Amino acid sequence: MWVYAAKRVLYAMPIALGVSAICFSLVYLAPGDPIQSLIPPDASANDIAAIRRLYGFDKPVVFQYLDWLARAATGDLGISLQSNRPVLDEVTRALVNTLAIAIAAVLLAFGLATTLGTLAAFNLGRPIDKIATSISTLGVSVPNYWMGIVLVIIFAVQWRLLPATGMGGQGSEYFSWLEWEQARYAILPTVTMAMIPLGVVTRSTRSAVADTLSQDYIQLLRAKGLGEMQVVKHALRNALPQMLAVMGLQLGYLVGGSILIETVFNWPGTGLIMSRAILTRDIPLLQGTILVLALSFVAINLVVDLLQTLIDPRIKRT
């Protein structure tokens, strides 16, 4: 097990290196000058050259990448051009906020999807199966940002039950699910984020459990008089590795692809700071955010792979 884990970490290193090269180079394809917003209207050519030297934009792109990679390996992702604060601090704070609703959305989706998918698999072709399939289709078909806007109109504007945007009163940067005054701000974005994984995992659970129920050993268990609840436990236990893999991918997608949802709800996570970095051409912040999100996705997949090995003894890893 430990040998396999070490191999997986080694395999992830070249992937991380490739990701760093891609995220560094892609931001330079966008039009515009990254230091344009920092140059005063009356700046001279010498002033502009000095600003470029200060931020390292006077060097060739290859040397900029090597310098950036060497600093990133030590945890130094540079300084944000807009806030003049360390990029690592900005991204870490935003990542914690994103994980707060992403993990909650995954847990919500996993619980509901497991229930719906299992009920659908045990009642193929019946009304409950059609309802679960409809919910699954709705979850993967409806754009999540549109769903977020609809939820805001209903629960925040018309019924005034929940706040529409933000993470707390008066621009608070502190969040806790244990305090209702804070948690109420996260309900709508969490439900919105849970829609897509709910649809995907419901479909995956239905397929995995239905396939397990068709196996001969399930028929043997029933022939021996095993109760239906015990059959459910056996079916879920065998379908769990596949469900876990899908759920891990969905968590990675939520962490890395929450830009639209966080923009709709003005949630101060990685998606929101990434959108602002794009609009302001804050290259260091944009590069650092993309790198951290990409590495988080790699790490999540690594953890899921190892968990599958622990859960399912039939999977032999060497």
Protein backbone atom coordinates (compact mmCIF):
# COMPACT_ATOMS: atom_id res chain seq x y z
CA MET A 1 0.00 0.00 0.00
CA TRP A 2 2.73 2.46 0.99
CA VAL A 3 4.75 1.56 -2.10
CA TYR A 4 1.74 2.20 -4.30
CA ALA A 5 1.08 5.53 -2.55
CA ALA A 6 4.70 6.59 -3.09
CA LYS A 7 4.44 5.67 -6.78
CA ARG A 8 1.25 7.67 -7.18
CA VAL A 9 2.92 10.70 -5.61
CA LEU A 10 5.89 10.33 -7.97
CA TYR A 11 3.54 10.02 -10.95
CA ALA A 12 1.78 13.20 -9.86
CA MET A 13 4.99 15.24 -9.89
CA PRO A 14 5.43 15.44 -13.70
CA ILE A 15 1.71 16.16 -13.99
CA ALA A 16 2.11 19.05 -11.57
CA LEU A 17 5.11 20.31 -13.56
CA GLY A 18 3.13 20.20 -16.80
CA VAL A 19 0.23 21.97 -15.15
CA SER A 20 2.54 24.73 -13.94
CA ALA A 21 3.89 25.29 -17.44
CA ILE A 22 0.41 25.39 -18.96
CA CYS A 23 -1.12 27.73 -16.38
CA PHE A 24 1.89 30.07 -16.67
CA SER A 25 1.81 30.25 -20.46
CA LEU A 26 -1.95 30.42 -21.02
CA VAL A 27 -2.40 33.72 -19.22
CA TYR A 28 -0.02 35.38 -21.67
CA LEU A 29 -2.32 34.50 -24.57
CA ALA A 30 -4.91 37.00 -23.34
CA PRO A 31 -4.68 40.46 -24.88
CA GLY A 32 -3.53 43.47 -22.89
CA ASP A 33 -0.57 44.53 -20.80
CA PRO A 34 -0.56 43.13 -17.23
CA ILE A 35 1.04 46.29 -15.81
CA GLN A 36 -1.16 48.74 -17.70
CA SER A 37 -3.32 49.39 -14.64
CA LEU A 38 -0.21 50.19 -12.58
CA ILE A 39 1.18 52.80 -14.94
CA PRO A 40 0.19 56.41 -14.13
CA PRO A 41 -1.20 58.44 -17.04
CA ASP A 42 1.81 60.76 -17.01
CA ALA A 43 4.44 58.02 -16.63
CA SER A 44 7.57 58.35 -18.71
CA ALA A 45 9.28 55.59 -20.67
CA ASN A 46 11.83 55.21 -17.87
CA ASP A 47 9.05 54.84 -15.29
CA ILE A 48 7.35 52.15 -17.36
CA ALA A 49 10.64 50.30 -17.79
CA ALA A 50 11.27 50.50 -14.05
CA ILE A 51 7.83 49.01 -13.29
CA ARG A 52 8.48 46.18 -15.74
CA ARG A 53 11.82 45.44 -14.07
CA LEU A 54 10.20 45.57 -10.63
CA TYR A 55 7.68 42.84 -11.52
CA GLY A 56 10.06 40.89 -13.76
CA PHE A 57 8.13 41.48 -16.99
CA ASP A 58 11.25 42.75 -18.74
CA LYS A 59 12.70 39.22 -18.99
CA PRO A 60 11.90 36.63 -21.70
CA VAL A 61 8.89 34.45 -20.92
CA VAL A 62 11.02 31.33 -20.45
CA PHE A 63 13.14 32.99 -17.78
CA GLN A 64 10.03 34.42 -16.15
CA TYR A 65 8.61 30.88 -15.94
CA LEU A 66 11.79 29.42 -14.45
CA ASP A 67 11.98 32.19 -11.86
CA TRP A 68 8.29 31.77 -11.05
CA LEU A 69 8.63 27.97 -10.80
CA ALA A 70 11.62 28.23 -8.47
CA ARG A 71 9.75 30.63 -6.21
CA ALA A 72 6.53 28.59 -6.37
CA ALA A 73 8.41 25.50 -5.20
CA THR A 74 9.19 27.37 -1.98
CA GLY A 75 5.61 28.61 -1.56
CA ASP A 76 6.24 32.07 -2.99
CA LEU A 77 3.66 32.74 -5.71
CA GLY A 78 4.48 36.41 -6.00
CA ILE A 79 2.63 39.59 -5.10
CA SER A 80 -0.82 40.54 -6.38
CA LEU A 81 -0.66 43.53 -8.69
CA GLN A 82 -3.96 44.93 -7.40
CA SER A 83 -3.94 44.27 -3.64
CA ASN A 84 -0.14 44.28 -3.22
CA ARG A 85 -0.49 41.27 -0.92
CA PRO A 86 1.19 37.84 -1.23
CA VAL A 87 -0.65 35.67 -3.75
CA LEU A 88 -0.35 32.60 -1.53
CA ASP A 89 -2.21 34.37 1.28
CA GLU A 90 -4.95 35.53 -1.10
CA VAL A 91 -5.40 32.08 -2.65
CA THR A 92 -5.27 30.21 0.66
CA ARG A 93 -7.98 32.39 2.19
CA ALA A 94 -10.14 32.03 -0.92
CA LEU A 95 -9.56 28.26 -1.14
CA VAL A 96 -10.76 27.77 2.44
CA ASN A 97 -13.96 29.64 1.58
CA THR A 98 -14.47 27.57 -1.57
CA LEU A 99 -13.90 24.29 0.26
CA ALA A 100 -16.45 25.33 2.89
CA ILE A 101 -19.28 25.21 0.37
CA ALA A 102 -17.77 22.66 -2.05
CA ILE A 103 -17.39 19.95 0.59
CA ALA A 104 -20.85 20.72 1.96
CA ALA A 105 -22.28 20.49 -1.57
CA VAL A 106 -20.55 17.15 -2.16
CA LEU A 107 -21.84 15.71 1.13
CA LEU A 108 -25.36 16.94 0.38
CA ALA A 109 -25.26 15.56 -3.15
CA PHE A 110 -23.71 12.27 -2.06
CA GLY A 111 -26.37 11.64 0.58
CA LEU A 112 -29.30 12.47 -1.68
CA ALA A 113 -27.82 10.79 -4.76
CA THR A 114 -27.05 7.56 -2.89
CA THR A 115 -30.62 7.39 -1.64
CA LEU A 116 -32.21 8.23 -4.99
CA GLY A 117 -29.88 6.02 -7.02
CA THR A 118 -30.37 3.04 -4.71
CA LEU A 119 -34.16 3.39 -4.69
CA ALA A 120 -34.15 3.68 -8.48
CA ALA A 121 -31.96 0.57 -8.87
CA PHE A 122 -34.30 -1.48 -6.66
CA ASN A 123 -37.36 -0.22 -8.58
CA LEU A 124 -36.27 -0.20 -12.22
CA GLY A 125 -39.00 1.01 -14.55
CA ARG A 126 -41.29 2.06 -11.71
CA PRO A 127 -42.40 5.62 -10.88
CA ILE A 128 -39.67 6.16 -8.30
CA ASP A 129 -37.08 5.18 -10.92
CA LYS A 130 -38.54 7.70 -13.35
CA ILE A 131 -38.51 10.42 -10.67
CA ALA A 132 -34.87 9.73 -9.81
CA THR A 133 -33.93 9.71 -13.49
CA SER A 134 -35.75 13.01 -14.03
CA ILE A 135 -33.92 14.61 -11.09
CA SER A 136 -30.63 13.29 -12.44
CA THR A 137 -31.32 14.69 -15.89
CA LEU A 138 -32.38 18.03 -14.43
CA GLY A 139 -29.22 18.24 -12.35
CA VAL A 140 -26.85 17.75 -15.27
CA SER A 141 -28.88 19.75 -17.81
CA VAL A 142 -29.79 23.00 -16.06
CA PRO A 143 -26.90 25.54 -15.96
CA ASN A 144 -25.90 25.95 -12.33
CA TYR A 145 -25.47 29.72 -12.58
CA TRP A 146 -29.04 30.00 -13.90
CA MET A 147 -30.25 27.82 -11.05
CA GLY A 148 -28.42 30.09 -8.62
CA ILE A 149 -30.16 33.17 -10.03
CA VAL A 150 -33.55 31.45 -9.74
CA LEU A 151 -32.87 30.48 -6.12
CA VAL A 152 -31.86 34.06 -5.31
CA ILE A 153 -35.07 35.42 -6.86
CA ILE A 154 -37.25 32.95 -4.94
CA PHE A 155 -35.60 32.67 -1.52
CA ALA A 156 -33.88 36.05 -1.23
CA VAL A 157 -35.98 38.51 -3.24
CA GLN A 158 -39.54 37.18 -3.06
CA TRP A 159 -39.64 35.21 0.20
CA ARG A 160 -36.72 37.00 1.93
CA LEU A 161 -35.73 33.88 3.82
CA LEU A 162 -32.02 33.84 2.99
CA PRO A 163 -29.41 36.44 2.02
CA ALA A 164 -28.70 36.78 -1.68
CA THR A 165 -24.96 37.38 -1.76
CA GLY A 166 -21.84 37.63 0.35
CA MET A 167 -20.38 35.51 3.12
CA GLY A 168 -21.53 37.49 6.13
CA GLY A 169 -22.70 40.82 7.36
CA GLN A 170 -20.69 43.96 6.60
CA GLY A 171 -18.19 42.26 4.33
CA SER A 172 -17.13 39.63 6.85
CA GLU A 173 -14.24 37.37 5.83
CA TYR A 174 -15.00 34.88 8.61
CA PHE A 175 -17.23 31.86 7.99
CA SER A 176 -18.45 28.98 10.12
CA TRP A 177 -21.18 26.44 9.50
CA LEU A 178 -21.70 26.29 13.28
CA GLU A 179 -23.09 29.83 13.44
CA TRP A 180 -26.47 30.39 11.83
CA GLU A 181 -25.77 34.04 11.01
CA GLN A 182 -22.84 32.84 8.92
CA ALA A 183 -24.25 29.52 7.68
CA ARG A 184 -27.37 31.12 6.20
CA TYR A 185 -25.20 32.89 3.63
CA ALA A 186 -23.84 29.55 2.38
CA ILE A 187 -27.14 27.70 1.91
CA LEU A 188 -28.02 28.98 -1.56
CA PRO A 189 -24.53 28.62 -3.08
CA THR A 190 -24.19 25.16 -1.52
CA VAL A 191 -27.52 23.95 -2.94
CA THR A 192 -26.62 25.42 -6.33
CA MET A 193 -23.23 23.70 -6.35
CA ALA A 194 -24.82 20.40 -5.33
CA MET A 195 -27.11 20.21 -8.38
CA ILE A 196 -24.58 18.86 -10.90
CA PRO A 197 -22.97 16.24 -8.61
CA LEU A 198 -26.47 15.23 -7.50
CA GLY A 199 -27.40 14.43 -11.08
CA VAL A 200 -24.11 12.72 -11.94
CA VAL A 201 -23.86 10.61 -8.79
CA THR A 202 -27.54 9.61 -8.88
CA ARG A 203 -27.07 8.24 -12.37
CA SER A 204 -23.80 6.56 -11.42
CA THR A 205 -25.27 5.03 -8.25
CA ARG A 206 -28.31 3.74 -10.09
CA SER A 207 -26.12 2.07 -12.71
CA ALA A 208 -23.64 0.61 -10.21
CA VAL A 209 -26.27 -0.74 -7.80
CA ALA A 210 -28.41 -2.13 -10.61
CA ASP A 211 -25.37 -3.93 -12.02
CA THR A 212 -24.57 -5.35 -8.59
CA LEU A 213 -28.15 -6.55 -8.09
CA SER A 214 -27.93 -8.52 -11.32
CA GLN A 215 -24.98 -10.56 -10.02
CA ASP A 216 -25.53 -14.21 -9.10
CA TYR A 217 -24.35 -13.84 -5.51
CA ILE A 218 -27.16 -11.34 -4.82
CA GLN A 219 -29.71 -13.88 -6.01
CA LEU A 220 -28.01 -16.45 -3.78
CA LEU A 221 -28.25 -14.15 -0.77
CA ARG A 222 -31.95 -13.66 -1.39
CA ALA A 223 -32.46 -17.40 -1.87
CA LYS A 224 -30.89 -17.97 1.54
CA GLY A 225 -33.49 -15.66 3.08
CA LEU A 226 -31.31 -12.60 3.64
CA GLY A 227 -33.37 -9.51 4.42
CA GLU A 228 -33.74 -6.76 1.85
CA MET A 229 -31.84 -4.26 4.01
CA GLN A 230 -28.87 -6.64 4.12
CA VAL A 231 -29.04 -6.97 0.35
CA VAL A 232 -28.96 -3.17 0.11
CA LYS A 233 -25.84 -3.06 2.28
CA HIS A 234 -24.08 -5.65 0.11
CA ALA A 235 -25.07 -3.83 -3.08
CA LEU A 236 -23.88 -0.45 -1.79
CA ARG A 237 -20.63 -1.90 -0.48
CA ASN A 238 -19.77 -3.26 -3.92
CA ALA A 239 -20.89 -0.10 -5.72
CA LEU A 240 -19.08 2.24 -3.31
CA PRO A 241 -15.68 2.32 -5.11
CA GLN A 242 -17.30 3.49 -8.34
CA MET A 243 -19.46 6.01 -6.50
CA LEU A 244 -16.42 7.30 -4.61
CA ALA A 245 -14.46 7.82 -7.82
CA VAL A 246 -17.28 9.85 -9.36
CA MET A 247 -17.73 11.86 -6.18
CA GLY A 248 -14.03 12.64 -6.01
CA LEU A 249 -14.07 13.96 -9.56
CA GLN A 250 -17.09 16.08 -8.78
CA LEU A 251 -15.37 17.60 -5.74
CA GLY A 252 -12.40 18.46 -7.94
CA TYR A 253 -14.70 20.07 -10.49
CA LEU A 254 -16.47 22.09 -7.81
CA VAL A 255 -13.23 23.36 -6.30
CA GLY A 256 -11.76 24.28 -9.66
CA GLY A 257 -14.85 25.29 -11.58
CA SER A 258 -16.94 27.34 -9.15
CA ILE A 259 -16.21 30.69 -10.82
CA LEU A 260 -19.76 31.25 -12.10
CA ILE A 261 -21.49 30.26 -8.86
CA GLU A 262 -19.18 32.32 -6.69
CA THR A 263 -19.64 35.29 -9.01
CA VAL A 264 -23.44 35.01 -8.83
CA PHE A 265 -23.42 34.84 -5.02
CA ASN A 266 -20.39 37.12 -4.57
CA TRP A 267 -18.81 34.38 -2.50
CA PRO A 268 -15.14 35.24 -1.77
CA GLY A 269 -13.65 31.99 -3.00
CA THR A 270 -11.13 31.00 -5.64
CA GLY A 271 -13.63 31.42 -8.45
CA LEU A 272 -14.39 35.02 -7.50
CA ILE A 273 -10.76 36.09 -7.14
CA MET A 274 -9.95 34.34 -10.41
CA SER A 275 -12.65 36.28 -12.25
CA ARG A 276 -11.37 39.53 -10.77
CA ALA A 277 -7.80 38.63 -11.68
CA ILE A 278 -8.89 38.03 -15.28
CA LEU A 279 -10.70 41.36 -15.49
CA THR A 280 -7.81 43.31 -13.95
CA ARG A 281 -5.05 41.34 -15.68
CA ASP A 282 -3.52 40.48 -12.31
CA ILE A 283 -1.12 37.92 -13.75
CA PRO A 284 0.56 36.73 -10.51
CA LEU A 285 -2.79 36.21 -8.79
CA LEU A 286 -4.26 34.45 -11.81
CA GLN A 287 -1.26 32.15 -12.21
CA GLY A 288 -1.16 31.32 -8.51
CA THR A 289 -4.88 30.58 -8.35
CA ILE A 290 -4.83 28.30 -11.38
CA LEU A 291 -1.78 26.46 -10.06
CA VAL A 292 -3.28 25.88 -6.60
CA LEU A 293 -6.60 24.70 -8.06
CA ALA A 294 -4.89 22.34 -10.51
CA LEU A 295 -2.71 20.86 -7.77
CA SER A 296 -5.79 20.51 -5.56
CA PHE A 297 -7.51 18.52 -8.30
CA VAL A 298 -4.48 16.23 -8.61
CA ALA A 299 -4.37 15.78 -4.83
CA ILE A 300 -8.10 14.97 -4.63
CA ASN A 301 -7.76 12.28 -7.29
CA LEU A 302 -4.77 10.81 -5.47
CA VAL A 303 -6.71 10.64 -2.19
CA VAL A 304 -9.72 9.04 -3.91
CA ASP A 305 -7.48 6.44 -5.56
CA LEU A 306 -5.97 5.50 -2.21
CA LEU A 307 -9.38 5.39 -0.52
CA GLN A 308 -10.64 3.00 -3.19
CA THR A 309 -7.78 0.67 -2.34
CA LEU A 310 -8.69 0.75 1.35
CA ILE A 311 -12.43 0.27 0.79
CA ASP A 312 -12.31 -2.49 -1.82
CA PRO A 313 -9.87 -5.34 -0.98
CA ARG A 314 -10.37 -6.75 -4.48
CA ILE A 315 -8.31 -3.86 -5.86
CA LYS A 316 -4.71 -4.92 -5.57
CA ARG A 317 -2.19 -2.10 -5.81
CA THR A 318 1.53 -2.81 -5.96
